[in-house]
């Protein structure tokens, strides 16, 4: 858990325009992606964990909604985020 907090603080410092601005769409997408990656690692060890899989799907759908919103409002930032995170959308 401590590693996640360090990664979270580092992501906020790297991509935040204003200090402590964790509500921007860009930061939310990066943090959701970090949580999704951690859950994917969890499922490698625990293949029958169905309850956490539901939570993973919720995170994926939330990230998808944020990406759709960003695509409709600012296409250049959308493309930049997709390249930085190596996502297909």
N, C-alpha and C. Protein backbone atom coordinates (compact mmCIF):
# COMPACT_ATOMS: atom_id res chain seq x y z
N UNK A 1 0.82 -1.19 0.00
CA UNK A 1 0.00 0.00 0.00
C UNK A 1 0.86 1.25 0.00
N UNK A 2 2.00 1.19 0.68
CA UNK A 2 2.89 2.35 0.74
C UNK A 2 3.43 2.68 -0.64
N UNK A 3 3.71 1.65 -1.44
CA UNK A 3 4.19 1.88 -2.80
C UNK A 3 3.14 2.63 -3.60
N UNK A 4 1.88 2.29 -3.43
CA UNK A 4 0.81 2.97 -4.14
C UNK A 4 0.74 4.44 -3.75
N UNK A 5 0.93 4.75 -2.46
CA UNK A 5 0.89 6.14 -2.02
C UNK A 5 2.04 6.93 -2.61
N UNK A 6 3.22 6.32 -2.69
CA UNK A 6 4.37 7.00 -3.28
C UNK A 6 4.12 7.25 -4.76
N UNK A 7 3.59 6.24 -5.46
CA UNK A 7 3.28 6.41 -6.89
C UNK A 7 2.21 7.47 -7.09
N UNK A 8 1.21 7.48 -6.23
CA UNK A 8 0.12 8.45 -6.34
C UNK A 8 0.64 9.87 -6.15
N UNK A 9 1.46 10.07 -5.13
CA UNK A 9 2.02 11.40 -4.90
C UNK A 9 2.92 11.83 -6.05
N UNK A 10 3.69 10.90 -6.59
CA UNK A 10 4.58 11.21 -7.71
C UNK A 10 3.77 11.59 -8.95
N UNK A 11 2.71 10.87 -9.23
CA UNK A 11 1.87 11.17 -10.39
C UNK A 11 1.23 12.54 -10.24
N UNK A 12 0.75 12.85 -9.04
CA UNK A 12 0.11 14.15 -8.81
C UNK A 12 1.13 15.26 -9.00
N UNK A 13 2.35 15.08 -8.51
CA UNK A 13 3.37 16.11 -8.67
C UNK A 13 3.78 16.29 -10.12
N UNK A 14 3.87 15.18 -10.86
CA UNK A 14 4.34 15.25 -12.24
C UNK A 14 3.31 15.87 -13.18
N UNK A 15 2.04 15.54 -13.01
CA UNK A 15 1.04 15.92 -13.99
C UNK A 15 0.07 17.00 -13.52
N UNK A 16 0.25 17.51 -12.33
CA UNK A 16 -0.66 18.49 -11.79
C UNK A 16 -0.21 19.90 -12.19
N UNK A 17 -1.13 20.68 -12.72
CA UNK A 17 -0.81 22.05 -13.09
C UNK A 17 -0.75 22.96 -11.87
N UNK A 18 -1.71 22.79 -10.97
CA UNK A 18 -1.76 23.57 -9.75
C UNK A 18 -1.48 22.65 -8.57
N UNK A 19 -1.03 23.21 -7.48
CA UNK A 19 -0.70 22.41 -6.31
C UNK A 19 -1.98 21.81 -5.72
N UNK A 20 -1.93 20.51 -5.42
CA UNK A 20 -3.03 19.76 -4.81
C UNK A 20 -4.29 19.74 -5.68
N UNK A 21 -4.16 19.81 -6.98
CA UNK A 21 -5.31 19.75 -7.87
C UNK A 21 -5.50 18.30 -8.31
N UNK A 22 -6.10 17.50 -7.46
CA UNK A 22 -6.27 16.08 -7.77
C UNK A 22 -7.59 15.80 -8.47
N UNK A 23 -8.39 16.81 -8.71
CA UNK A 23 -9.69 16.60 -9.32
C UNK A 23 -9.71 16.74 -10.82
N UNK A 24 -8.59 17.09 -11.43
CA UNK A 24 -8.59 17.26 -12.88
C UNK A 24 -8.77 15.90 -13.56
N UNK A 25 -9.32 15.93 -14.73
CA UNK A 25 -9.61 14.69 -15.45
C UNK A 25 -8.33 13.92 -15.73
N UNK A 26 -7.30 14.63 -16.08
CA UNK A 26 -6.03 14.00 -16.42
C UNK A 26 -5.49 13.20 -15.22
N UNK A 27 -5.50 13.82 -14.05
CA UNK A 27 -5.00 13.15 -12.85
C UNK A 27 -5.90 11.96 -12.50
N UNK A 28 -7.21 12.13 -12.63
CA UNK A 28 -8.13 11.03 -12.32
C UNK A 28 -7.88 9.83 -13.22
N UNK A 29 -7.63 10.08 -14.51
CA UNK A 29 -7.37 8.98 -15.44
C UNK A 29 -6.07 8.27 -15.08
N UNK A 30 -5.04 9.04 -14.73
CA UNK A 30 -3.77 8.42 -14.36
C UNK A 30 -3.92 7.59 -13.09
N UNK A 31 -4.64 8.10 -12.09
CA UNK A 31 -4.80 7.36 -10.84
C UNK A 31 -5.67 6.12 -11.01
N UNK A 32 -6.71 6.23 -11.83
CA UNK A 32 -7.53 5.06 -12.12
C UNK A 32 -6.71 3.98 -12.83
N UNK A 33 -5.86 4.40 -13.76
CA UNK A 33 -5.02 3.46 -14.47
C UNK A 33 -4.06 2.77 -13.52
N UNK A 34 -3.53 3.51 -12.56
CA UNK A 34 -2.64 2.92 -11.56
C UNK A 34 -3.38 1.86 -10.74
N UNK A 35 -4.61 2.15 -10.33
CA UNK A 35 -5.40 1.19 -9.56
C UNK A 35 -5.75 -0.04 -10.40
N UNK A 36 -6.05 0.18 -11.68
CA UNK A 36 -6.40 -0.93 -12.58
C UNK A 36 -5.20 -1.86 -12.75
N UNK A 37 -4.02 -1.29 -12.92
CA UNK A 37 -2.81 -2.10 -13.08
C UNK A 37 -2.54 -2.92 -11.82
N UNK A 38 -2.73 -2.31 -10.65
CA UNK A 38 -2.52 -3.04 -9.40
C UNK A 38 -3.52 -4.18 -9.24
N UNK A 39 -4.76 -3.95 -9.64
CA UNK A 39 -5.76 -5.03 -9.56
C UNK A 39 -5.46 -6.15 -10.55
N UNK A 40 -4.93 -5.79 -11.71
CA UNK A 40 -4.58 -6.83 -12.68
C UNK A 40 -3.47 -7.72 -12.13
N UNK A 41 -2.52 -7.12 -11.41
CA UNK A 41 -1.47 -7.92 -10.77
C UNK A 41 -2.07 -8.83 -9.70
N UNK A 42 -3.07 -8.34 -9.00
CA UNK A 42 -3.75 -9.13 -7.96
C UNK A 42 -4.42 -10.35 -8.57
N UNK A 43 -5.00 -10.19 -9.75
CA UNK A 43 -5.73 -11.30 -10.37
C UNK A 43 -4.81 -12.36 -10.96
N UNK A 44 -3.56 -12.04 -11.13
CA UNK A 44 -2.62 -13.08 -11.57
C UNK A 44 -2.47 -14.13 -10.47
N UNK A 45 -2.45 -13.67 -9.22
CA UNK A 45 -2.32 -14.60 -8.08
C UNK A 45 -3.64 -15.19 -7.64
N UNK A 46 -4.71 -14.40 -7.72
CA UNK A 46 -6.02 -14.81 -7.20
C UNK A 46 -7.03 -14.84 -8.34
N UNK A 47 -7.05 -15.92 -9.08
CA UNK A 47 -7.87 -16.00 -10.28
C UNK A 47 -9.36 -16.13 -9.99
N UNK A 48 -9.73 -16.63 -8.82
CA UNK A 48 -11.14 -16.86 -8.52
C UNK A 48 -11.76 -15.74 -7.69
N UNK A 49 -11.12 -14.62 -7.59
CA UNK A 49 -11.63 -13.50 -6.80
C UNK A 49 -12.65 -12.72 -7.64
N UNK A 50 -13.89 -13.14 -7.55
CA UNK A 50 -14.95 -12.56 -8.39
C UNK A 50 -15.41 -11.20 -7.87
N UNK A 51 -15.37 -10.99 -6.57
CA UNK A 51 -15.86 -9.74 -6.00
C UNK A 51 -14.95 -8.56 -6.38
N UNK A 52 -13.66 -8.79 -6.37
CA UNK A 52 -12.74 -7.73 -6.77
C UNK A 52 -12.81 -7.48 -8.27
N UNK A 53 -13.17 -8.50 -9.02
CA UNK A 53 -13.29 -8.35 -10.48
C UNK A 53 -14.40 -7.36 -10.82
N UNK A 54 -15.46 -7.37 -10.02
CA UNK A 54 -16.55 -6.41 -10.21
C UNK A 54 -16.05 -4.99 -9.98
N UNK A 55 -15.24 -4.80 -8.96
CA UNK A 55 -14.65 -3.50 -8.69
C UNK A 55 -13.73 -3.05 -9.80
N UNK A 56 -12.99 -3.99 -10.37
CA UNK A 56 -12.12 -3.68 -11.50
C UNK A 56 -12.93 -3.19 -12.69
N UNK A 57 -14.04 -3.86 -12.96
CA UNK A 57 -14.88 -3.44 -14.08
C UNK A 57 -15.46 -2.05 -13.85
N UNK A 58 -15.82 -1.73 -12.60
CA UNK A 58 -16.32 -0.39 -12.29
C UNK A 58 -15.26 0.66 -12.57
N UNK A 59 -14.00 0.37 -12.20
CA UNK A 59 -12.91 1.31 -12.45
C UNK A 59 -12.67 1.50 -13.95
N UNK A 60 -12.74 0.40 -14.69
CA UNK A 60 -12.53 0.48 -16.14
C UNK A 60 -13.61 1.32 -16.80
N UNK A 61 -14.86 1.12 -16.38
CA UNK A 61 -15.95 1.88 -16.98
C UNK A 61 -15.88 3.36 -16.60
N UNK A 62 -15.45 3.64 -15.38
CA UNK A 62 -15.30 5.04 -14.96
C UNK A 62 -14.20 5.72 -15.78
N UNK A 63 -13.09 5.01 -15.98
CA UNK A 63 -12.01 5.58 -16.80
C UNK A 63 -12.48 5.78 -18.24
N UNK A 64 -13.28 4.84 -18.74
CA UNK A 64 -13.79 4.97 -20.11
C UNK A 64 -14.67 6.21 -20.25
N UNK A 65 -15.53 6.46 -19.25
CA UNK A 65 -16.38 7.65 -19.29
C UNK A 65 -15.56 8.93 -19.27
N UNK A 66 -14.51 8.95 -18.45
CA UNK A 66 -13.65 10.13 -18.40
C UNK A 66 -12.92 10.34 -19.73
N UNK A 67 -12.49 9.25 -20.35
CA UNK A 67 -11.81 9.36 -21.64
C UNK A 67 -12.77 9.85 -22.73
N UNK A 68 -14.00 9.39 -22.70
CA UNK A 68 -14.99 9.86 -23.68
C UNK A 68 -15.25 11.35 -23.50
N UNK A 69 -15.39 11.78 -22.25
CA UNK A 69 -15.60 13.20 -21.97
C UNK A 69 -14.42 14.03 -22.47
N UNK A 70 -13.21 13.55 -22.21
CA UNK A 70 -12.02 14.28 -22.64
C UNK A 70 -11.92 14.29 -24.17
N UNK A 71 -12.30 13.21 -24.81
CA UNK A 71 -12.26 13.14 -26.27
C UNK A 71 -13.22 14.16 -26.89
N UNK A 72 -14.38 14.33 -26.28
CA UNK A 72 -15.36 15.27 -26.82
C UNK A 72 -14.98 16.73 -26.57
N UNK A 73 -14.26 16.99 -25.49
CA UNK A 73 -13.96 18.38 -25.12
C UNK A 73 -12.56 18.85 -25.50
N UNK A 74 -11.58 17.97 -25.44
CA UNK A 74 -10.21 18.38 -25.75
C UNK A 74 -9.48 17.19 -26.38
N UNK A 75 -9.53 17.13 -27.69
CA UNK A 75 -9.02 15.97 -28.41
C UNK A 75 -7.50 15.87 -28.33
N UNK A 76 -6.80 17.00 -28.28
CA UNK A 76 -5.34 16.95 -28.21
C UNK A 76 -4.86 16.36 -26.88
N UNK A 77 -5.49 16.73 -25.77
CA UNK A 77 -5.13 16.15 -24.47
C UNK A 77 -5.49 14.67 -24.42
N UNK A 78 -6.58 14.33 -25.06
CA UNK A 78 -7.02 12.94 -25.14
C UNK A 78 -5.95 12.08 -25.81
N UNK A 79 -5.45 12.54 -26.96
CA UNK A 79 -4.41 11.80 -27.67
C UNK A 79 -3.13 11.72 -26.86
N UNK A 80 -2.78 12.81 -26.17
CA UNK A 80 -1.58 12.83 -25.36
C UNK A 80 -1.66 11.81 -24.22
N UNK A 81 -2.80 11.74 -23.56
CA UNK A 81 -2.98 10.79 -22.45
C UNK A 81 -2.93 9.35 -22.96
N UNK A 82 -3.55 9.10 -24.10
CA UNK A 82 -3.52 7.74 -24.65
C UNK A 82 -2.09 7.30 -24.96
N UNK A 83 -1.28 8.22 -25.48
CA UNK A 83 0.11 7.89 -25.79
C UNK A 83 0.92 7.68 -24.51
N UNK A 84 0.70 8.50 -23.49
CA UNK A 84 1.45 8.38 -22.26
C UNK A 84 1.14 7.08 -21.52
N UNK A 85 -0.12 6.66 -21.56
CA UNK A 85 -0.53 5.46 -20.83
C UNK A 85 -0.53 4.20 -21.69
N UNK A 86 -0.25 4.33 -22.97
CA UNK A 86 -0.27 3.20 -23.90
C UNK A 86 -1.63 2.50 -23.88
N UNK A 87 -2.70 3.30 -24.03
CA UNK A 87 -4.05 2.77 -24.02
C UNK A 87 -4.62 2.74 -25.43
N UNK A 88 -5.55 1.82 -25.65
CA UNK A 88 -6.34 1.81 -26.87
C UNK A 88 -7.73 2.25 -26.48
N UNK A 89 -8.34 3.08 -27.28
CA UNK A 89 -9.70 3.51 -26.97
C UNK A 89 -10.45 3.79 -28.24
